[in-house]
N, C-alpha and C. Protein backbone atom coordinates (compact mmCIF):
# COMPACT_ATOMS: atom_id res chain seq x y z
N MET A 1 102.77 76.29 158.85
CA MET A 1 101.36 77.22 159.15
C MET A 1 101.83 77.34 161.16
N ARG A 2 101.30 78.69 161.05
CA ARG A 2 101.13 78.47 162.95
C ARG A 2 99.71 78.59 163.58
N VAL A 3 99.62 78.15 164.94
CA VAL A 3 98.65 78.36 165.38
C VAL A 3 98.64 79.36 166.79
N LEU A 4 97.72 79.86 167.23
CA LEU A 4 97.62 80.06 169.00
C LEU A 4 96.42 79.96 169.11
N LEU A 5 96.30 78.66 169.69
CA LEU A 5 95.24 78.46 170.55
C LEU A 5 94.78 79.08 171.79
N GLN A 6 93.49 79.45 171.94
CA GLN A 6 93.25 79.64 173.62
C GLN A 6 92.04 78.91 174.25
N ARG A 7 91.83 78.15 175.11
CA ARG A 7 90.50 77.43 175.83
C ARG A 7 89.85 78.48 175.65
N VAL A 8 88.31 78.68 175.03
CA VAL A 8 87.54 79.39 175.94
C VAL A 8 85.88 79.57 176.65
N ASP A 9 86.01 80.09 177.42
CA ASP A 9 84.45 80.54 177.69
C ASP A 9 83.57 80.70 177.10
N ASP A 10 84.03 81.70 175.56
CA ASP A 10 83.51 82.21 174.80
C ASP A 10 84.40 83.68 174.54
N ALA A 11 83.87 83.54 172.92
CA ALA A 11 84.87 84.47 172.30
C ALA A 11 84.24 85.03 170.91
N SER A 12 84.67 85.92 170.47
CA SER A 12 84.03 86.91 169.42
C SER A 12 84.41 87.73 168.70
N VAL A 13 84.53 87.83 167.44
CA VAL A 13 85.12 88.63 166.73
C VAL A 13 84.25 90.01 166.06
N SER A 14 84.58 90.89 166.27
CA SER A 14 83.69 92.37 165.66
C SER A 14 84.24 92.90 164.53
N ILE A 15 83.56 93.30 164.05
CA ILE A 15 84.02 94.08 162.35
C ILE A 15 83.54 95.49 162.23
N ASP A 16 83.57 97.10 162.25
CA ASP A 16 83.42 97.94 162.45
C ASP A 16 81.94 98.34 163.79
N GLY A 17 82.08 97.63 164.95
CA GLY A 17 81.40 97.45 166.31
C GLY A 17 80.19 96.59 166.55
N GLN A 18 80.14 95.88 164.63
CA GLN A 18 79.15 94.95 164.47
C GLN A 18 79.86 93.03 164.57
N ILE A 19 78.95 92.56 165.80
CA ILE A 19 79.71 91.14 166.04
C ILE A 19 78.96 90.60 164.59
N HIS A 20 80.97 89.71 163.92
CA HIS A 20 80.96 88.86 163.10
C HIS A 20 80.58 87.36 163.21
N SER A 21 81.16 86.83 163.81
CA SER A 21 80.58 85.64 164.78
C SER A 21 80.97 85.68 165.81
N GLN A 22 80.39 84.62 166.99
CA GLN A 22 80.81 84.51 168.38
C GLN A 22 80.45 82.78 168.68
N ILE A 23 80.92 82.38 169.36
CA ILE A 23 81.30 80.82 170.27
C ILE A 23 81.28 81.50 171.60
N GLY A 24 80.33 79.89 172.47
CA GLY A 24 80.53 79.69 173.67
C GLY A 24 81.83 79.08 173.81
N THR A 25 82.03 78.02 174.70
CA THR A 25 82.63 77.15 175.19
C THR A 25 83.81 76.21 173.54
N GLY A 26 84.54 76.41 173.71
CA GLY A 26 85.58 75.85 173.29
C GLY A 26 87.51 76.09 172.49
N MET A 27 87.65 76.83 171.42
CA MET A 27 88.58 77.58 170.90
C MET A 27 88.47 78.57 170.25
N LEU A 28 89.44 79.74 170.72
CA LEU A 28 90.02 80.55 169.68
C LEU A 28 91.02 80.23 169.24
N VAL A 29 91.00 79.87 167.71
CA VAL A 29 92.22 79.74 166.85
C VAL A 29 92.75 81.08 165.79
N LEU A 30 93.85 81.09 165.99
CA LEU A 30 94.29 82.36 165.53
C LEU A 30 95.65 81.71 164.36
N VAL A 31 95.06 81.65 163.24
CA VAL A 31 96.16 80.78 162.06
C VAL A 31 96.86 81.64 161.72
N GLY A 32 98.40 81.25 161.09
CA GLY A 32 98.75 82.30 160.34
C GLY A 32 99.51 81.12 159.26
N VAL A 33 99.33 81.52 157.89
CA VAL A 33 99.65 80.83 156.99
C VAL A 33 101.20 81.38 156.51
N GLY A 34 102.08 80.67 156.43
CA GLY A 34 103.45 80.93 155.80
C GLY A 34 103.54 80.98 154.51
N ASN A 35 104.49 81.04 153.75
CA ASN A 35 104.95 81.33 152.21
C ASN A 35 105.05 79.84 151.63
N ASP A 36 105.63 79.04 152.60
CA ASP A 36 105.57 77.77 152.08
C ASP A 36 104.86 76.77 152.87
N ASP A 37 103.74 76.96 153.24
CA ASP A 37 103.04 76.24 153.63
C ASP A 37 101.61 75.22 152.33
N ASP A 38 101.32 74.44 152.61
CA ASP A 38 100.35 73.28 152.15
C ASP A 38 98.91 72.82 152.66
N GLU A 39 98.62 72.02 151.99
CA GLU A 39 97.57 70.90 152.21
C GLU A 39 97.98 70.51 153.36
N ASN A 40 99.40 69.92 153.53
CA ASN A 40 99.69 69.01 154.34
C ASN A 40 99.81 69.33 155.55
N ASP A 41 99.94 71.03 155.83
CA ASP A 41 100.09 71.53 156.76
C ASP A 41 98.55 72.09 157.51
N ILE A 42 97.84 72.10 156.53
CA ILE A 42 96.11 72.30 157.33
C ILE A 42 95.99 70.71 157.64
N GLU A 43 95.77 69.75 157.35
CA GLU A 43 95.87 68.40 157.17
C GLU A 43 95.74 68.11 158.68
N TRP A 44 97.62 68.23 158.78
CA TRP A 44 98.25 67.82 160.42
C TRP A 44 97.43 69.02 161.50
N MET A 45 97.37 70.23 160.87
CA MET A 45 96.80 71.48 162.09
C MET A 45 95.54 70.87 162.50
N VAL A 46 94.77 70.64 161.50
CA VAL A 46 93.11 70.32 161.76
C VAL A 46 93.42 69.08 162.74
N LYS A 47 93.79 68.08 162.53
CA LYS A 47 93.99 66.69 162.93
C LYS A 47 94.48 67.34 164.52
N LYS A 48 95.54 67.88 164.84
CA LYS A 48 95.96 68.04 166.22
C LYS A 48 95.40 68.84 166.71
N ILE A 49 94.50 70.13 165.97
CA ILE A 49 93.51 71.03 166.71
C ILE A 49 92.31 70.15 167.43
N CYS A 50 92.07 68.97 166.44
CA CYS A 50 90.21 68.81 166.99
C CYS A 50 90.66 67.50 167.96
N GLN A 51 91.90 66.86 168.05
CA GLN A 51 91.87 66.26 168.95
C GLN A 51 93.18 66.61 170.48
N LEU A 52 93.29 67.19 170.23
CA LEU A 52 94.05 68.06 171.28
C LEU A 52 93.48 67.70 172.70
N ARG A 53 93.71 67.52 174.00
CA ARG A 53 92.75 67.38 174.85
C ARG A 53 93.57 68.48 176.32
N ILE A 54 92.52 69.26 175.64
CA ILE A 54 92.98 70.29 176.73
C ILE A 54 91.52 70.60 177.68
N PHE A 55 90.50 69.92 177.56
CA PHE A 55 89.31 69.95 178.13
C PHE A 55 89.07 69.16 179.21
N ASP A 56 88.85 69.87 180.76
CA ASP A 56 88.47 68.99 181.89
C ASP A 56 87.95 67.66 181.65
N ASP A 57 88.27 66.67 182.30
CA ASP A 57 87.09 65.82 182.28
C ASP A 57 86.36 65.61 183.64
N GLU A 58 85.37 64.78 184.32
CA GLU A 58 84.74 65.06 185.05
C GLU A 58 85.93 64.93 186.34
N ASN A 59 87.09 64.24 186.49
CA ASN A 59 87.92 64.30 187.56
C ASN A 59 89.30 65.52 187.74
N GLY A 60 88.45 66.91 186.62
CA GLY A 60 89.34 67.88 186.47
C GLY A 60 90.33 67.99 185.55
N VAL A 61 90.76 66.64 185.13
CA VAL A 61 92.03 66.69 184.27
C VAL A 61 91.93 66.08 182.79
N MET A 62 92.82 67.51 182.28
CA MET A 62 92.57 67.81 180.88
C MET A 62 92.83 66.39 180.09
N ASN A 63 91.59 65.97 179.81
CA ASN A 63 91.56 64.86 179.41
C ASN A 63 90.90 64.72 177.69
N LYS A 64 89.98 65.94 177.86
CA LYS A 64 89.30 65.85 176.25
C LYS A 64 89.16 66.69 175.53
N SER A 65 89.09 66.43 174.38
CA SER A 65 89.37 67.16 173.11
C SER A 65 87.82 68.32 172.99
N VAL A 66 87.91 69.14 171.94
CA VAL A 66 86.93 70.09 171.98
C VAL A 66 85.89 69.48 170.92
N LYS A 67 86.39 68.49 170.44
CA LYS A 67 85.24 67.14 169.98
C LYS A 67 84.19 66.56 170.84
N ASP A 68 85.22 66.09 171.98
CA ASP A 68 84.40 65.08 172.71
C ASP A 68 83.11 66.23 173.74
N ILE A 69 84.23 67.49 173.98
CA ILE A 69 82.64 68.24 174.49
C ILE A 69 81.58 68.69 173.93
N ASN A 70 82.28 68.75 172.24
CA ASN A 70 80.96 69.34 171.51
C ASN A 70 80.79 71.05 171.64
N GLY A 71 82.17 70.97 171.65
CA GLY A 71 82.80 72.51 171.84
C GLY A 71 82.41 73.37 170.56
N GLU A 72 82.88 74.67 170.34
CA GLU A 72 82.94 74.91 169.29
C GLU A 72 84.31 75.99 168.79
N ILE A 73 84.62 76.82 167.55
CA ILE A 73 85.85 76.94 167.11
C ILE A 73 85.53 78.19 166.37
N LEU A 74 86.19 79.25 167.00
CA LEU A 74 86.20 80.54 166.03
C LEU A 74 87.60 80.59 165.56
N VAL A 75 87.90 80.67 164.05
CA VAL A 75 89.22 81.26 163.36
C VAL A 75 89.00 82.49 163.14
N VAL A 76 90.32 82.99 163.32
CA VAL A 76 90.60 84.65 162.98
C VAL A 76 92.23 84.03 162.42
N SER A 77 92.41 84.60 160.77
CA SER A 77 93.54 84.86 160.43
C SER A 77 94.31 85.96 161.04
N GLN A 78 95.92 84.98 161.02
CA GLN A 78 96.70 86.39 162.21
C GLN A 78 98.21 86.57 161.59
N PHE A 79 98.34 87.39 160.42
CA PHE A 79 99.68 86.90 159.76
C PHE A 79 100.74 87.57 160.62
N THR A 80 100.36 88.30 162.06
CA THR A 80 101.55 88.68 162.95
C THR A 80 102.46 87.38 163.39
N LEU A 81 102.04 85.74 163.54
CA LEU A 81 102.42 84.88 163.86
C LEU A 81 103.33 84.81 163.66
N TRP A 82 103.96 85.45 162.22
CA TRP A 82 104.83 84.88 161.70
C TRP A 82 106.19 85.85 161.70
N ALA A 83 106.06 87.06 162.98
CA ALA A 83 106.46 88.54 162.82
C ALA A 83 107.95 87.61 163.47
N SER A 84 109.01 88.33 162.72
CA SER A 84 110.47 88.17 163.11
C SER A 84 110.95 89.42 163.63
N TYR A 85 111.20 89.65 164.63
CA TYR A 85 111.71 90.82 165.37
C TYR A 85 113.05 90.26 166.14
N LYS A 86 114.04 89.89 165.59
CA LYS A 86 115.40 89.81 165.99
C LYS A 86 116.49 90.83 165.55
N LYS A 87 115.79 91.71 164.66
CA LYS A 87 116.57 92.59 164.28
C LYS A 87 115.91 93.88 164.07
N GLY A 88 116.13 94.98 164.76
CA GLY A 88 115.54 96.01 164.94
C GLY A 88 114.28 95.81 166.53
N ASN A 89 114.27 96.66 165.43
CA ASN A 89 112.36 96.75 167.00
C ASN A 89 110.91 96.88 165.97
N ARG A 90 111.34 96.94 164.74
CA ARG A 90 110.29 97.03 163.91
C ARG A 90 109.91 95.29 163.50
N PRO A 91 108.78 95.14 163.81
CA PRO A 91 108.68 93.65 163.64
C PRO A 91 108.56 93.28 161.89
N SER A 92 109.48 92.01 160.83
CA SER A 92 109.35 91.82 159.77
C SER A 92 108.11 90.73 159.62
N TYR A 93 107.84 90.87 158.48
CA TYR A 93 106.68 89.47 158.07
C TYR A 93 107.12 89.19 156.92
N LEU A 94 108.46 88.80 156.49
CA LEU A 94 108.56 88.43 154.66
C LEU A 94 108.26 87.04 154.91
N ARG A 95 108.20 86.26 155.94
CA ARG A 95 108.07 84.96 156.31
C ARG A 95 106.25 84.60 156.30
N ALA A 96 105.27 85.13 156.22
CA ALA A 96 104.41 85.01 156.30
C ALA A 96 103.75 85.67 154.53
N GLY A 97 102.86 84.13 154.70
CA GLY A 97 102.55 83.98 153.01
C GLY A 97 102.15 85.31 152.43
N SER A 98 101.85 85.24 151.46
CA SER A 98 101.43 86.57 150.65
C SER A 98 99.73 86.27 150.30
N HIS A 99 99.22 87.32 149.57
CA HIS A 99 97.64 87.00 149.83
C HIS A 99 97.14 85.82 149.02
N ASP A 100 97.90 85.37 147.91
CA ASP A 100 97.30 84.57 146.50
C ASP A 100 97.60 82.94 147.52
N ILE A 101 98.49 83.02 148.08
CA ILE A 101 98.58 81.76 149.02
C ILE A 101 97.44 81.54 150.07
N THR A 102 97.80 82.65 150.52
CA THR A 102 97.15 82.51 152.12
C THR A 102 95.94 82.78 151.87
N ILE A 103 94.96 83.65 151.35
CA ILE A 103 93.54 83.01 151.26
C ILE A 103 92.94 81.42 151.07
N PRO A 104 93.23 81.45 150.16
CA PRO A 104 92.94 80.23 149.43
C PRO A 104 93.17 78.96 150.49
N LEU A 105 94.36 78.78 151.45
CA LEU A 105 94.76 78.07 152.28
C LEU A 105 93.99 78.22 153.79
N TYR A 106 93.84 79.36 153.65
CA TYR A 106 93.12 79.90 155.08
C TYR A 106 91.52 79.20 154.59
N ASN A 107 91.04 79.47 153.47
CA ASN A 107 89.71 79.51 153.67
C ASN A 107 89.65 77.37 153.76
N ARG A 108 90.22 77.09 153.03
CA ARG A 108 90.50 75.43 152.94
C ARG A 108 90.17 75.13 154.38
N PHE A 109 91.41 75.98 155.12
CA PHE A 109 92.39 75.17 156.71
C PHE A 109 90.58 75.47 157.25
N CYS A 110 89.42 76.46 157.49
CA CYS A 110 88.41 76.47 157.46
C CYS A 110 87.29 75.75 157.10
N ASP A 111 87.74 75.31 155.90
CA ASP A 111 86.53 74.22 155.68
C ASP A 111 86.64 73.14 156.13
N ALA A 112 88.00 72.74 156.06
CA ALA A 112 88.61 71.04 156.75
C ALA A 112 88.16 71.26 158.01
N LEU A 113 88.73 72.66 158.75
CA LEU A 113 88.55 72.17 160.46
C LEU A 113 87.21 72.11 160.40
N SER A 114 85.86 72.41 160.11
CA SER A 114 84.37 72.68 159.65
C SER A 114 83.98 71.11 160.07
N ASN A 115 84.80 70.51 158.56
CA ASN A 115 84.35 69.11 158.14
C ASN A 115 84.38 68.26 159.44
N GLU A 116 86.22 68.29 159.76
CA GLU A 116 86.34 67.35 160.67
C GLU A 116 85.49 67.69 162.19
N MET A 117 85.47 68.82 162.45
CA MET A 117 84.42 69.10 163.50
C MET A 117 82.95 68.43 163.43
N GLY A 118 82.30 68.62 162.12
CA GLY A 118 81.15 68.29 161.72
C GLY A 118 80.35 69.26 161.63
N LYS A 119 80.43 70.15 161.93
CA LYS A 119 79.43 71.51 162.13
C LYS A 119 80.15 72.77 161.69
N ASP A 120 79.40 73.73 161.61
CA ASP A 120 79.94 74.79 160.88
C ASP A 120 81.23 75.46 162.46
N ILE A 121 81.93 76.56 162.19
CA ILE A 121 82.76 76.89 162.69
C ILE A 121 82.58 78.59 162.79
N GLY A 122 83.21 79.38 163.34
CA GLY A 122 82.67 80.90 163.60
C GLY A 122 84.44 80.89 162.55
N THR A 123 83.94 82.46 162.17
CA THR A 123 85.54 82.56 161.31
C THR A 123 85.17 84.69 161.45
N GLY A 124 86.41 84.94 161.59
CA GLY A 124 87.16 86.87 161.22
C GLY A 124 86.57 86.64 159.17
N VAL A 125 86.92 88.29 159.28
CA VAL A 125 87.30 87.96 157.34
C VAL A 125 88.59 88.28 157.57
N PHE A 126 88.90 87.52 156.54
CA PHE A 126 90.49 87.76 156.33
C PHE A 126 90.59 89.04 155.71
N GLY A 127 91.65 90.37 156.14
CA GLY A 127 91.99 91.37 155.81
C GLY A 127 91.68 91.95 156.32
N ALA A 128 90.49 92.18 157.49
CA ALA A 128 89.45 92.94 157.70
C ALA A 128 90.12 93.55 159.05
N GLU A 129 89.79 94.94 159.64
CA GLU A 129 90.58 94.96 160.73
C GLU A 129 89.66 94.97 161.67
N MET A 130 89.83 93.95 162.52
CA MET A 130 89.09 93.35 163.66
C MET A 130 89.17 93.41 165.24
N SER A 131 87.95 93.17 165.48
CA SER A 131 88.10 93.40 167.45
C SER A 131 88.17 91.45 167.64
N VAL A 132 88.62 91.63 168.50
CA VAL A 132 88.36 90.07 168.63
C VAL A 132 88.42 90.11 170.42
N LYS A 133 87.28 89.45 170.96
CA LYS A 133 87.12 89.58 172.66
C LYS A 133 86.87 88.11 172.80
N LEU A 134 87.48 87.35 174.27
CA LEU A 134 87.86 86.26 174.28
C LEU A 134 87.39 85.97 176.18
N THR A 135 87.23 85.16 177.39
CA THR A 135 87.21 84.87 178.17
C THR A 135 87.53 83.36 177.89
N ASN A 136 89.57 83.76 178.78
CA ASN A 136 90.49 82.80 178.11
C ASN A 136 89.84 81.66 179.36
N ASN A 137 89.71 80.06 179.41
CA ASN A 137 89.56 79.33 180.69
C ASN A 137 91.11 78.64 180.75
N GLY A 138 90.88 79.14 181.63
CA GLY A 138 92.74 78.54 182.35
C GLY A 138 93.48 79.28 183.36
N PRO A 139 94.10 79.96 182.47
CA PRO A 139 94.31 80.22 180.89
C PRO A 139 94.87 79.27 180.08
N VAL A 140 94.46 79.10 178.95
CA VAL A 140 95.08 77.51 178.49
C VAL A 140 95.96 78.60 177.20
N THR A 141 96.67 78.80 176.50
CA THR A 141 96.90 79.14 175.66
C THR A 141 98.19 78.08 175.34
N ILE A 142 98.09 77.50 173.30
CA ILE A 142 99.07 77.03 172.89
C ILE A 142 99.60 77.29 171.20
N PHE A 143 100.80 77.28 171.47
CA PHE A 143 101.12 77.87 170.60
C PHE A 143 101.74 76.16 169.30
N MET A 144 101.25 76.20 168.04
CA MET A 144 101.38 74.95 167.36
C MET A 144 102.37 75.86 166.30
N ASP A 145 102.99 74.76 165.46
CA ASP A 145 103.66 75.20 163.90
C ASP A 145 103.92 73.91 163.30
N SER A 146 102.83 74.21 162.57
CA SER A 146 102.94 72.72 161.18
C SER A 146 104.43 72.41 160.80
N LYS A 147 105.35 73.01 160.73
CA LYS A 147 106.64 72.59 160.79
C LYS A 147 107.73 72.11 161.58
N ASN A 148 107.21 72.14 162.98
CA ASN A 148 107.36 72.23 163.92
C ASN A 148 106.80 70.39 164.59
N LYS A 149 106.84 69.34 164.40
CA LYS A 149 105.99 68.42 164.41
C LYS A 149 106.49 67.55 165.33
N GLU A 150 107.90 67.69 165.75
CA GLU A 150 108.38 66.39 166.45
C GLU A 150 108.79 67.37 167.39
């Protein structure tokens, strides 16, 4: 499982010009599910996201998690995180999970993240053409791969 997360002041996802979901201060999480991802990847990623200390404390030091600040999370599916670009100029997505793998894992990931946060999270719509807007704070942008834990 691959995630690109951004610390945001606000973020939203729109479909057909209508806002589907929006958040205030927190994280925009773009998530890509791979062919060999499973529940273990979800569990590790959810804990890492919720405990990652990327928000400033009273001294301006990144020492607080999204849970510590009672922040919000918006999750958007993003199969292009699995792009392979080494051969030619057209990316290949062969390592991205197929729909029968990805949709259930994406939904379980969102549910697990909501449970860990103790509140609802915002989401996009899997497979929809979406417009994502955000105000990146910092900017802070972090890439994580559940297969590269060390």
